[in-house]
Structures are given as C-alpha cells and as structure tokens.
Amino acid sequence: MLRSLHLISRLEAISYLALIAASLIKAFGDNENGVRVMGPIHGVLFLVYAALILRWFNDLGWPFSRAVLAIVLGSIPFGGFWVDQKWLPEASAAPG
C-alpha cells in the first residue's frame, strides 16, 4: 500500500511539472503537442492518486480531513512531493 502511494504521489507530481512545462512551451513556442500528451496522462495520474488516498486514508491512520488536504495538495505543484516526504513516512512509522 505505502509503496503504491509513494510511487503514485511522485508520478503525479512529476506529471504536473511536465504539464506546466508543456503549457509554457505551448504559450511561448506555439507548440501544443506536449499539452495534448501530458494533459491526459496527468489527469489519469491525479485521479489514481486521489482514489488511492481515499481508499487507504483509514489504513494510514489519517482523519478524512487529512485525506482531503492530501488531495488538494496534489492539485498544486510540488504538493504530491510534499505529501510523499512529510506524511507518508509518518504513516510507515505508525504501529500496526
């Protein structure tokens, strides 16, 4: 479970940064191919990230409010990295 959450939170955050880079290229370089590719990839990864958080927040010992905050953090740049680095190690150290 934790391995999946670590992986998806990192992939989601990386895809978000790639989508931002593609958006900048589209805006300043007049090439929208990157957005066409990265948009759907990031969208799917974000949905998987949110689904995993909602599926496992109880197993992580998180209140629902933390699960919602983790999903909100996943919707901002570097938020998935923050959740991965700050909250998921905490969950792996929890007894059980």
C-alpha atoms as a PDB file:
ATOM      1  CA  MET A   1       0.000   0.000   0.000  1.00  0.00           C
ATOM      2  CA  LEU A   2       2.646   2.535   1.012  1.00  0.00           C
ATOM      3  CA  ARG A   3       4.843   1.635  -1.936  1.00  0.00           C
ATOM      4  CA  SER A   4       1.919   2.328  -4.287  1.00  0.00           C
ATOM      5  CA  LEU A   5       1.181   5.647  -2.593  1.00  0.00           C
ATOM      6  CA  HIS A   6       4.837   6.698  -2.713  1.00  0.00           C
ATOM      7  CA  LEU A   7       5.036   5.849  -6.398  1.00  0.00           C
ATOM      8  CA  ILE A   8       1.781   7.491  -7.463  1.00  0.00           C
ATOM      9  CA  SER A   9       2.389  10.662  -5.443  1.00  0.00           C
ATOM     10  CA  ARG A  10       5.768  11.088  -7.111  1.00  0.00           C
ATOM     11  CA  LEU A  11       4.477  10.268 -10.591  1.00  0.00           C
ATOM     12  CA  GLU A  12       1.547  12.647 -10.168  1.00  0.00           C
ATOM     13  CA  ALA A  13       3.833  15.469  -9.040  1.00  0.00           C
ATOM     14  CA  ILE A  14       6.295  14.845 -11.889  1.00  0.00           C
ATOM     15  CA  SER A  15       3.495  14.753 -14.454  1.00  0.00           C
ATOM     16  CA  TYR A  16       2.147  18.045 -13.084  1.00  0.00           C
ATOM     17  CA  LEU A  17       5.547  19.702 -13.522  1.00  0.00           C
ATOM     18  CA  ALA A  18       5.813  18.239 -17.041  1.00  0.00           C
ATOM     19  CA  LEU A  19       2.348  19.603 -17.847  1.00  0.00           C
ATOM     20  CA  ILE A  20       3.384  23.061 -16.622  1.00  0.00           C
ATOM     21  CA  ALA A  21       6.500  22.895 -18.813  1.00  0.00           C
ATOM     22  CA  ALA A  22       4.386  21.797 -21.782  1.00  0.00           C
ATOM     23  CA  SER A  23       1.973  24.663 -21.116  1.00  0.00           C
ATOM     24  CA  LEU A  24       4.833  27.150 -21.142  1.00  0.00           C
ATOM     25  CA  ILE A  25       6.109  25.703 -24.419  1.00  0.00           C
ATOM     26  CA  LYS A  26       2.608  25.996 -25.836  1.00  0.00           C
ATOM     27  CA  ALA A  27       2.287  29.605 -24.706  1.00  0.00           C
ATOM     28  CA  PHE A  28       5.711  30.795 -25.823  1.00  0.00           C
ATOM     29  CA  GLY A  29       6.683  28.328 -28.520  1.00  0.00           C
ATOM     30  CA  ASP A  30       3.355  27.804 -30.258  1.00  0.00           C
ATOM     31  CA  ASN A  31       3.531  24.024 -29.938  1.00  0.00           C
ATOM     32  CA  GLU A  32       0.672  22.286 -28.163  1.00  0.00           C
ATOM     33  CA  ASN A  33       1.724  18.668 -28.673  1.00  0.00           C
ATOM     34  CA  GLY A  34       3.163  18.426 -25.157  1.00  0.00           C
ATOM     35  CA  VAL A  35      -0.107  19.567 -23.592  1.00  0.00           C
ATOM     36  CA  ARG A  36      -2.064  17.105 -25.732  1.00  0.00           C
ATOM     37  CA  VAL A  37       0.101  14.279 -24.408  1.00  0.00           C
ATOM     38  CA  MET A  38       0.733  15.374 -20.818  1.00  0.00           C
ATOM     39  CA  GLY A  39      -2.772  16.644 -20.060  1.00  0.00           C
ATOM     40  CA  PRO A  40      -4.488  13.247 -20.161  1.00  0.00           C
ATOM     41  CA  ILE A  41      -1.522  11.496 -18.526  1.00  0.00           C
ATOM     42  CA  HIS A  42      -1.545  13.929 -15.619  1.00  0.00           C
ATOM     43  CA  GLY A  43      -5.336  13.734 -15.367  1.00  0.00           C
ATOM     44  CA  VAL A  44      -5.308   9.958 -15.034  1.00  0.00           C
ATOM     45  CA  LEU A  45      -2.427  10.012 -12.539  1.00  0.00           C
ATOM     46  CA  PHE A  46      -4.224  12.613 -10.409  1.00  0.00           C
ATOM     47  CA  LEU A  47      -7.410  10.544 -10.376  1.00  0.00           C
ATOM     48  CA  VAL A  48      -5.458   7.431  -9.368  1.00  0.00           C
ATOM     49  CA  TYR A  49      -3.667   9.447  -6.652  1.00  0.00           C
ATOM     50  CA  ALA A  50      -6.987  10.729  -5.274  1.00  0.00           C
ATOM     51  CA  ALA A  51      -8.556   7.259  -5.424  1.00  0.00           C
ATOM     52  CA  LEU A  52      -5.641   5.671  -3.546  1.00  0.00           C
ATOM     53  CA  ILE A  53      -5.727   8.367  -0.873  1.00  0.00           C
ATOM     54  CA  LEU A  54      -9.470   7.880  -0.421  1.00  0.00           C
ATOM     55  CA  ARG A  55      -9.098   4.100  -0.402  1.00  0.00           C
ATOM     56  CA  TRP A  56      -6.314   3.957   2.192  1.00  0.00           C
ATOM     57  CA  PHE A  57      -6.593   7.022   4.430  1.00  0.00           C
ATOM     58  CA  ASN A  58      -8.125   4.918   7.243  1.00  0.00           C
ATOM     59  CA  ASP A  59      -5.342   2.343   6.956  1.00  0.00           C
ATOM     60  CA  LEU A  60      -2.835   5.189   7.177  1.00  0.00           C
ATOM     61  CA  GLY A  61      -4.460   6.379  10.401  1.00  0.00           C
ATOM     62  CA  TRP A  62      -5.433   9.698   8.835  1.00  0.00           C
ATOM     63  CA  PRO A  63      -8.635  11.583   9.549  1.00  0.00           C
ATOM     64  CA  PHE A  64     -10.780  12.308   6.498  1.00  0.00           C
ATOM     65  CA  SER A  65      -9.716  15.971   6.637  1.00  0.00           C
ATOM     66  CA  ARG A  66      -6.071  14.962   6.074  1.00  0.00           C
ATOM     67  CA  ALA A  67      -7.102  12.808   3.107  1.00  0.00           C
ATOM     68  CA  VAL A  68      -8.936  15.775   1.582  1.00  0.00           C
ATOM     69  CA  LEU A  69      -5.935  18.022   2.249  1.00  0.00           C
ATOM     70  CA  ALA A  70      -3.612  15.459   0.623  1.00  0.00           C
ATOM     71  CA  ILE A  71      -5.817  15.510  -2.481  1.00  0.00           C
ATOM     72  CA  VAL A  72      -5.837  19.322  -2.511  1.00  0.00           C
ATOM     73  CA  LEU A  73      -2.055  19.336  -2.146  1.00  0.00           C
ATOM     74  CA  GLY A  74      -1.874  17.010  -5.147  1.00  0.00           C
ATOM     75  CA  SER A  75      -3.589  19.695  -7.186  1.00  0.00           C
ATOM     76  CA  ILE A  76      -0.777  22.224  -6.694  1.00  0.00           C
ATOM     77  CA  PRO A  77       2.792  21.993  -7.995  1.00  0.00           C
ATOM     78  CA  PHE A  78       5.113  20.067  -5.653  1.00  0.00           C
ATOM     79  CA  GLY A  79       2.153  19.081  -3.438  1.00  0.00           C
ATOM     80  CA  GLY A  80       2.481  15.382  -4.244  1.00  0.00           C
ATOM     81  CA  PHE A  81       6.159  15.535  -3.314  1.00  0.00           C
ATOM     82  CA  TRP A  82       5.242  17.204  -0.018  1.00  0.00           C
ATOM     83  CA  VAL A  83       2.693  14.516   0.867  1.00  0.00           C
ATOM     84  CA  ASP A  84       5.200  11.818  -0.090  1.00  0.00           C
ATOM     85  CA  GLN A  85       8.005  13.319   2.005  1.00  0.00           C
ATOM     86  CA  LYS A  86       6.094  14.595   5.045  1.00  0.00           C
ATOM     87  CA  TRP A  87       3.043  12.391   5.591  1.00  0.00           C
ATOM     88  CA  LEU A  88       3.753   9.006   4.059  1.00  0.00           C
ATOM     89  CA  PRO A  89       6.939   8.329   6.093  1.00  0.00           C
ATOM     90  CA  GLU A  90       4.872   9.193   9.160  1.00  0.00           C
ATOM     91  CA  ALA A  91       2.382   6.501   8.163  1.00  0.00           C
ATOM     92  CA  SER A  92       5.092   3.870   7.692  1.00  0.00           C
ATOM     93  CA  ALA A  93       6.415   4.592  11.209  1.00  0.00           C
ATOM     94  CA  ALA A  94       2.974   4.156  12.772  1.00  0.00           C
ATOM     95  CA  PRO A  95       2.448   0.959  14.726  1.00  0.00           C
ATOM     96  CA  GLY A  96       0.326  -1.675  13.116  1.00  0.00           C
END
